[in-house]
Protein backbone atom coordinates (compact mmCIF):
# COMPACT_ATOMS: atom_id res chain seq x y z
CA MET A 1 -15.15 -42.16 -14.86
CA SER A 2 -17.18 -42.93 -18.02
CA SER A 3 -16.24 -41.65 -21.49
CA LEU A 4 -19.29 -39.39 -21.43
CA SER A 5 -18.25 -37.89 -18.09
CA ARG A 6 -14.73 -37.26 -19.35
CA TRP A 7 -16.07 -35.46 -22.44
CA ILE A 8 -18.39 -33.34 -20.29
CA GLY A 9 -15.38 -32.32 -18.16
CA VAL A 10 -13.33 -31.40 -21.23
CA LEU A 11 -16.17 -29.36 -22.70
CA ALA A 12 -16.70 -27.55 -19.39
CA VAL A 13 -13.04 -26.48 -19.23
CA ALA A 14 -13.01 -25.52 -22.90
CA GLY A 15 -16.04 -23.31 -22.34
CA MET A 16 -14.38 -21.23 -19.62
CA THR A 17 -13.79 -17.56 -20.23
CA PRO A 18 -10.11 -16.50 -20.26
CA LEU A 19 -10.47 -15.00 -16.78
CA THR A 20 -12.10 -18.14 -15.38
CA SER A 21 -9.54 -20.35 -17.09
CA ASN A 22 -6.66 -18.36 -15.63
CA ALA A 23 -8.16 -18.53 -12.16
CA TRP A 24 -8.67 -22.28 -12.55
CA ALA A 25 -5.12 -22.81 -13.83
CA GLN A 26 -3.52 -20.74 -11.06
CA GLN A 27 -5.05 -22.58 -8.13
CA VAL A 28 -2.63 -22.80 -5.23
CA PRO A 29 -2.66 -24.73 -1.95
CA PRO A 30 -4.59 -23.22 0.97
CA THR A 31 -2.63 -20.55 2.81
CA ILE A 32 -2.39 -22.53 6.04
CA ASP A 33 -0.82 -25.44 4.14
CA GLN A 34 1.70 -23.02 2.66
CA LEU A 35 2.48 -21.61 6.11
CA ARG A 36 3.17 -25.08 7.46
CA THR A 37 5.55 -25.75 4.58
CA SER A 38 7.34 -22.39 4.31
CA LYS A 39 7.18 -21.44 8.02
CA THR A 40 6.71 -17.87 6.77
CA LEU A 41 3.80 -15.43 6.81
CA ARG A 42 4.19 -12.96 3.94
CA ILE A 43 2.95 -9.51 4.93
CA ALA A 44 2.32 -7.01 2.14
CA TYR A 45 2.64 -3.34 3.03
CA ASP A 46 2.68 0.03 1.28
CA PRO A 47 5.65 2.14 2.49
CA GLY A 48 3.77 5.31 1.53
CA SER A 49 0.63 4.73 3.55
CA PRO A 50 1.22 6.24 7.00
CA PRO A 51 0.09 5.79 9.69
CA PHE A 52 -1.01 2.30 8.66
CA SER A 53 2.20 1.21 6.93
CA TYR A 54 5.37 3.16 6.25
CA VAL A 55 9.14 3.18 6.42
CA ALA A 56 10.75 5.98 8.42
CA PRO A 57 12.38 8.61 6.17
CA GLY A 58 16.07 7.96 5.64
CA SER A 59 15.88 4.35 6.80
CA PRO A 60 17.80 1.65 4.89
CA PRO A 61 15.73 -0.39 2.40
CA ALA A 62 16.01 -3.49 4.57
CA THR A 63 14.47 -1.73 7.57
CA ALA A 64 11.31 -3.38 8.87
CA PRO A 65 8.20 -1.30 8.20
CA HIS A 66 6.21 0.54 10.85
CA GLY A 67 2.57 1.41 11.22
CA TYR A 68 -0.71 0.40 12.82
CA SER A 69 -1.62 -2.30 10.29
CA VAL A 70 1.90 -3.71 10.13
CA ASP A 71 2.14 -3.96 13.93
CA LEU A 72 -1.27 -5.59 14.02
CA CYS A 73 -0.21 -8.18 11.44
CA ARG A 74 2.92 -8.97 13.44
CA ALA A 75 0.68 -9.57 16.46
CA ILE A 76 -1.48 -11.86 14.33
CA ALA A 77 1.63 -13.80 13.31
CA ASP A 78 2.51 -14.32 16.98
CA ARG A 79 -0.92 -15.78 17.65
CA LEU A 80 -0.83 -17.96 14.55
CA LYS A 81 2.29 -19.63 15.93
CA GLU A 82 0.24 -21.07 18.77
CA GLN A 83 -3.08 -21.35 17.00
CA LEU A 84 -1.69 -23.31 14.03
CA LYS A 85 1.07 -25.00 16.05
CA ILE A 86 3.87 -23.46 13.95
CA PRO A 87 6.19 -22.17 16.71
CA ASP A 88 8.94 -21.21 14.26
CA LEU A 89 6.68 -19.14 12.00
CA LYS A 90 8.58 -16.14 10.61
CA VAL A 91 7.41 -12.92 8.97
CA ALA A 92 8.54 -11.72 5.53
CA TYR A 93 7.66 -8.34 4.06
CA VAL A 94 6.40 -7.72 0.53
CA VAL A 95 6.42 -4.13 -0.75
CA VAL A 96 3.33 -3.04 -2.69
CA ASN A 97 1.70 0.21 -3.75
CA SER A 98 -1.85 1.41 -4.24
CA THR A 99 -2.12 -0.20 -7.67
CA SER A 100 -0.37 -3.52 -7.00
CA ARG A 101 -1.58 -4.29 -3.48
CA PHE A 102 -4.49 -6.57 -4.36
CA ASP A 103 -2.52 -8.25 -7.15
CA ALA A 104 -0.02 -9.42 -4.52
CA ILE A 105 -2.81 -11.29 -2.76
CA ILE A 106 -4.50 -12.60 -5.91
CA GLY A 107 -1.17 -13.70 -7.40
CA ASN A 108 -0.09 -15.44 -4.17
CA THR A 109 3.04 -13.36 -3.62
CA ALA A 110 1.69 -12.28 -0.22
CA ASP A 111 -0.64 -13.83 2.34
CA LEU A 112 -2.00 -10.78 4.15
CA LEU A 113 -2.35 -7.17 3.00
CA CYS A 114 -1.51 -4.92 5.93
CA GLU A 115 -2.07 -1.25 5.09
CA SER A 116 -5.09 1.02 4.67
CA SER A 117 -7.47 -0.84 2.37
CA THR A 118 -11.14 -0.03 2.76
CA ALA A 119 -13.33 -3.13 2.60
CA THR A 120 -15.86 -2.62 -0.20
CA LEU A 121 -18.30 -4.90 -1.99
CA SER A 122 -16.57 -4.38 -5.33
CA ARG A 123 -13.18 -5.35 -3.88
CA ARG A 124 -14.71 -8.46 -2.36
CA THR A 125 -15.22 -9.81 -5.86
CA LYS A 126 -11.40 -10.13 -6.00
CA VAL A 127 -10.23 -10.68 -2.42
CA ASP A 128 -11.63 -11.44 1.01
CA PHE A 129 -11.31 -9.23 4.08
CA SER A 130 -10.84 -9.86 7.77
CA ILE A 131 -13.12 -8.39 10.38
CA PRO A 132 -12.56 -4.59 10.46
CA ILE A 133 -9.36 -3.32 12.03
CA PHE A 134 -10.07 0.42 11.88
CA ILE A 135 -12.76 2.94 11.12
CA ASP A 136 -11.54 5.91 9.14
CA GLY A 137 -13.15 8.70 7.18
CA ALA A 138 -12.89 12.30 6.13
CA SER A 139 -12.59 14.81 8.96
CA TYR A 140 -10.73 18.04 9.64
CA ALA A 141 -8.31 19.83 11.94
CA ILE A 142 -8.94 23.29 13.41
CA ARG A 143 -7.39 25.88 15.68
CA PRO A 144 -8.70 26.04 19.28
CA ASP A 145 -11.22 28.71 18.26
CA GLY A 146 -12.09 27.02 14.97
CA PRO A 147 -15.43 25.72 13.63
CA GLN A 148 -16.46 22.41 15.20
CA ASP A 149 -19.25 21.98 12.63
CA VAL A 150 -19.14 22.22 8.84
CA LYS A 151 -22.05 24.68 9.00
CA LEU A 152 -19.76 27.14 10.78
CA LEU A 153 -17.47 27.33 7.74
CA ALA A 154 -19.73 29.90 6.07
CA GLY A 155 -17.61 32.75 4.74
CA LYS A 156 -14.39 30.98 5.70
CA LYS A 157 -11.64 29.02 3.90
CA ALA A 158 -11.10 25.27 4.08
CA ALA A 159 -7.99 23.53 2.71
CA VAL A 160 -7.84 20.01 1.23
CA LEU A 161 -5.72 17.88 -1.10
CA PRO A 162 -7.13 17.90 -4.65
CA GLY A 163 -8.32 14.73 -6.37
CA THR A 164 -9.09 12.91 -3.13
CA THR A 165 -12.28 11.39 -1.83
CA THR A 166 -11.97 13.90 1.03
CA GLU A 167 -12.25 16.78 -1.45
CA ASP A 168 -15.38 15.17 -2.88
CA GLU A 169 -16.87 14.73 0.58
CA LEU A 170 -16.03 18.33 1.55
CA ARG A 171 -17.65 19.81 -1.55
CA ARG A 172 -20.66 17.50 -1.11
CA ALA A 173 -21.04 18.60 2.51
CA LEU A 174 -20.85 22.29 1.60
CA THR A 175 -23.36 21.86 -1.20
CA GLY A 176 -25.70 19.75 0.90
CA THR A 177 -25.80 22.30 3.71
CA HIS A 178 -25.84 25.31 1.32
CA ILE A 179 -22.72 26.73 2.94
CA SER A 180 -20.63 29.22 0.98
CA ALA A 181 -16.99 28.54 1.86
CA GLU A 182 -13.83 28.88 -0.21
CA VAL A 183 -12.05 25.57 -0.87
CA VAL A 184 -8.26 26.01 -0.95
CA LEU A 185 -6.34 23.22 -2.72
CA VAL A 186 -2.91 22.35 -1.30
CA LYS A 187 -0.11 20.09 -2.50
CA THR A 188 0.67 18.26 0.74
CA ASN A 189 -0.80 17.54 4.15
CA GLN A 190 1.98 19.59 5.71
CA GLU A 191 1.12 22.62 3.59
CA GLY A 192 -2.52 22.40 4.65
CA LEU A 193 -1.63 22.18 8.34
CA ASP A 194 0.84 25.06 8.00
CA LEU A 195 -1.90 27.27 6.51
CA LEU A 196 -4.20 26.27 9.36
CA GLU A 197 -1.60 27.00 12.03
CA LYS A 198 -0.99 30.47 10.54
CA GLY A 199 -4.72 31.18 10.48
CA GLN A 200 -4.87 31.47 6.70
CA VAL A 201 -7.58 28.79 6.55
CA ALA A 202 -10.21 27.87 9.14
CA ALA A 203 -9.93 24.10 8.67
CA TYR A 204 -7.82 21.46 6.99
CA PHE A 205 -9.62 18.37 5.68
CA ALA A 206 -8.04 14.91 5.33
CA ASP A 207 -8.47 11.33 6.50
CA ARG A 208 -8.93 11.36 10.26
CA ALA A 209 -6.20 8.77 10.86
CA THR A 210 -3.72 10.83 8.84
CA LEU A 211 -4.59 13.97 10.76
CA THR A 212 -4.31 12.20 14.10
CA PHE A 213 -0.91 10.81 13.17
CA LEU A 214 0.45 14.15 11.96
CA LEU A 215 -0.89 16.14 14.91
CA GLN A 216 0.71 13.72 17.34
CA LYS A 217 3.98 13.57 15.42
CA GLU A 218 4.57 17.28 14.84
CA LYS A 219 5.18 19.05 18.16
CA GLN A 220 4.82 22.45 16.54
CA LEU A 221 1.22 21.57 15.68
CA ALA A 222 0.29 20.90 19.30
CA ASN A 223 -2.07 23.90 19.31
CA LEU A 224 -4.24 22.37 16.59
CA LEU A 225 -7.27 20.27 17.41
CA MET A 226 -9.31 17.57 15.71
CA ALA A 227 -12.96 18.35 15.02
CA ASP A 228 -15.49 15.73 16.12
CA THR A 229 -17.20 15.67 12.73
CA TYR A 230 -16.89 12.79 10.24
CA LEU A 231 -17.80 13.47 6.61
CA SER A 232 -17.60 9.78 5.77
CA VAL A 233 -17.05 6.48 7.55
CA GLU A 234 -14.96 3.74 5.94
CA PRO A 235 -14.16 0.31 7.42
CA ILE A 236 -10.52 -0.71 6.95
CA ALA A 237 -9.64 -4.41 6.99
CA LEU A 238 -6.85 -6.84 6.08
CA ALA A 239 -7.14 -8.37 2.62
CA LEU A 240 -6.45 -12.05 2.02
CA ARG A 241 -7.05 -14.57 -0.73
CA ARG A 242 -10.67 -15.00 -1.77
CA GLY A 243 -12.28 -18.30 -0.84
CA ASP A 244 -9.60 -19.31 1.69
CA SER A 245 -12.06 -19.62 4.57
CA ASP A 246 -9.77 -21.52 6.96
CA PHE A 247 -7.07 -18.84 6.82
CA ARG A 248 -9.64 -16.06 7.14
CA LEU A 249 -11.04 -17.81 10.24
CA ALA A 250 -7.53 -18.06 11.72
CA VAL A 251 -6.89 -14.35 11.09
CA ASP A 252 -10.28 -13.35 12.53
CA ALA A 253 -9.68 -15.53 15.58
CA ALA A 254 -6.31 -13.85 16.15
CA LEU A 255 -7.81 -10.38 15.73
CA SER A 256 -10.67 -11.21 18.08
CA ASP A 257 -8.20 -12.31 20.74
CA ILE A 258 -6.22 -9.09 20.29
CA TYR A 259 -9.41 -7.03 20.69
CA ARG A 260 -10.82 -8.94 23.66
CA ARG A 261 -7.55 -8.85 25.62
CA GLY A 262 -7.09 -5.12 25.04
CA ALA A 263 -3.77 -5.59 23.21
CA ILE A 264 -5.15 -3.44 20.39
CA VAL A 265 -4.82 -0.34 22.58
CA GLN A 266 -1.05 -0.84 22.87
CA ILE A 267 -0.81 -1.30 19.10
CA PHE A 268 -2.87 1.88 18.59
CA ARG A 269 -0.66 3.90 20.94
CA ALA A 270 2.54 2.59 19.36
CA THR A 271 1.47 4.41 16.19
CA PHE A 272 -0.45 7.43 17.43
CA GLY A 273 1.40 8.17 20.66
CA PRO A 274 1.40 6.94 24.28
CA LEU A 275 -1.34 9.38 25.30
CA ALA A 276 -3.56 8.85 22.26
CA LYS A 277 -7.01 7.35 22.75
CA PRO A 278 -9.15 5.55 20.14
CA SER A 279 -12.20 7.58 19.13
CA PRO A 280 -15.57 6.46 20.55
CA LEU A 281 -16.41 5.01 17.14
CA LEU A 282 -13.17 3.03 17.00
CA SER A 283 -13.58 1.85 20.59
CA SER A 284 -17.02 0.55 19.67
CA LEU A 285 -15.53 -1.32 16.72
CA TYR A 286 -13.00 -3.04 18.99
CA GLN A 287 -15.77 -4.04 21.38
CA THR A 288 -18.20 -5.32 18.76
CA SER A 289 -15.79 -6.90 16.24
CA GLY A 290 -14.01 -9.18 18.70
CA LEU A 291 -15.93 -12.39 18.06
CA PRO A 292 -16.48 -14.80 20.97
CA ASN A 293 -14.85 -18.23 20.79
């Protein structure tokens, strides 16, 4: 390299912004290289994000997590053993929360984020995402004689958790359809479902996956139904390190195999119950997202 070229390189590094400089200084080997060396896939999960990732109440801290996304990531690990020719690949769990989850990926303390992250354009400036693993969105539960359409809430009460995107979507839907309904704010999902079961509200609004999980889990809520209406649609995916295209391809290949072979249905039922069925929208996602070889 000539003296001029060396000086150009020095000036280029010196001109980096602090953020760019940090990113440049913290470069790490590609994830697949790390897997071959460590023989371990590090799965990040949020224990407070059921039904996607959670730890059963009262379980010891060392207990392996449960949930749709966690089970799916374990299935991916099984396929990576063969795909990457690492037969002794193990799984390690990294606990995160809603504020630290992406930092775990960016900071290379985890390889795959396995919980309920919605893939958005703004988040893709920090991390990459796999092909979608779930379609979620705001919906609501009702009694058997309850309103199947938001328009039928006129003059009735609807419960929702405050400060959530679901509350925003509910109020937007009521305003957009010029429906006069009373919005009742509750402290927990259980409180909202209890009010619904007692007939004190006509509907309880929450994320559809959360409602499905709770309705299947709580036998006493067996008389409650899920409305067919979605107020929003959000694609959920697995986050991984940005720019690591080979690892993303390996994850997408594993997911595609899981979708094409129908193994995703068993993973779905392990979380939502043996008789649960994916919604038509989710079934379409499984059919269209499984990429051909």
